[in-house]
Amino acid sequence: ISPTSRERISYVKQMLGELSQVARAEQAELLVYLLEMAFQEAGDILGGRSNGLSHQVNRHEAARMPVKPAGQV
């Protein structure tokens, strides 16, 4: 990971930590979970345990994924 990338990922990680605190204060548990997952991924990238590419999603393909309507409960 280049020094510039390391600096950027460190910034993202810091912001994710702050956003997680805000979400926790608002009791937005799903947001807290997602933000903490992203925080962990940023830490993994910085620690060399992830290249940041293993979980990439092709956004164009994902946007065209068919979604089934929710069934009745």
Protein backbone atom coordinates (compact mmCIF):
# COMPACT_ATOMS: atom_id res chain seq x y z
CA ILE A 1 0.00 0.00 0.00
CA SER A 2 1.47 3.33 -1.04
CA PRO A 3 2.01 6.12 1.50
CA THR A 4 -0.75 8.16 -0.15
CA SER A 5 -3.17 5.22 0.01
CA ARG A 6 -2.22 4.57 3.64
CA GLU A 7 -2.97 8.20 4.50
CA ARG A 8 -6.33 8.09 2.72
CA ILE A 9 -7.39 4.79 4.31
CA SER A 10 -6.32 6.12 7.73
CA TYR A 11 -8.55 9.14 7.16
CA VAL A 12 -11.47 6.94 6.11
CA LYS A 13 -10.96 4.76 9.20
CA GLN A 14 -10.96 7.81 11.46
CA MET A 15 -14.18 9.13 9.89
CA LEU A 16 -15.83 5.72 10.17
CA GLY A 17 -15.03 5.66 13.89
CA GLU A 18 -16.60 9.07 14.37
CA LEU A 19 -19.67 8.17 12.32
CA SER A 20 -20.05 4.97 14.32
CA GLN A 21 -20.16 7.01 17.54
CA VAL A 22 -22.86 9.27 16.10
CA ALA A 23 -24.90 6.27 14.91
CA ARG A 24 -24.53 4.60 18.33
CA ALA A 25 -25.78 7.77 20.06
CA GLU A 26 -28.84 7.64 17.78
CA GLN A 27 -29.31 3.92 18.50
CA ALA A 28 -29.08 3.15 14.78
CA GLU A 29 -27.83 -0.38 15.34
CA LEU A 30 -27.66 -1.46 11.70
CA LEU A 31 -25.64 1.63 10.81
CA VAL A 32 -23.34 0.98 13.77
CA TYR A 33 -22.79 -2.57 12.57
CA LEU A 34 -22.07 -1.56 8.97
CA LEU A 35 -19.78 1.28 9.99
CA GLU A 36 -17.86 -1.00 12.35
CA MET A 37 -17.47 -3.59 9.60
CA ALA A 38 -16.04 -0.91 7.30
CA PHE A 39 -13.81 0.31 10.16
CA GLN A 40 -12.47 -3.22 10.60
CA GLU A 41 -11.85 -3.57 6.85
CA ALA A 42 -9.90 -0.30 6.84
CA GLY A 43 -7.80 -1.62 9.72
CA ASP A 44 -7.21 -4.86 7.85
CA ILE A 45 -6.06 -2.94 4.78
CA LEU A 46 -3.69 -0.85 6.86
CA GLY A 47 -2.38 -3.96 8.60
CA GLY A 48 -1.76 -5.72 5.29
CA ARG A 49 -4.40 -8.37 5.99
CA SER A 50 -6.55 -7.27 3.05
CA ASN A 51 -5.75 -5.68 -0.28
CA GLY A 52 -9.08 -3.89 -0.35
CA LEU A 53 -10.08 -5.75 -3.51
CA SER A 54 -11.48 -8.97 -2.10
CA HIS A 55 -14.88 -7.47 -1.36
CA GLN A 56 -15.26 -5.13 -4.32
CA VAL A 57 -18.63 -5.13 -6.00
CA ASN A 58 -19.20 -4.22 -9.60
CA ARG A 59 -21.71 -1.44 -8.94
CA HIS A 60 -23.03 -1.51 -12.50
CA GLU A 61 -23.84 -5.21 -12.23
CA ALA A 62 -25.24 -4.85 -8.71
CA ALA A 63 -27.58 -2.08 -9.87
CA ARG A 64 -29.08 -4.45 -12.48
CA MET A 65 -29.57 -7.37 -10.10
CA PRO A 66 -33.17 -8.52 -10.11
CA VAL A 67 -34.92 -8.08 -6.80
CA LYS A 68 -37.87 -10.24 -5.89
CA PRO A 69 -40.78 -8.41 -4.29
CA ALA A 70 -41.27 -9.14 -0.62
CA GLY A 71 -43.78 -11.84 0.13
CA GLN A 72 -46.67 -11.49 2.52
CA VAL A 73 -46.04 -12.27 6.14
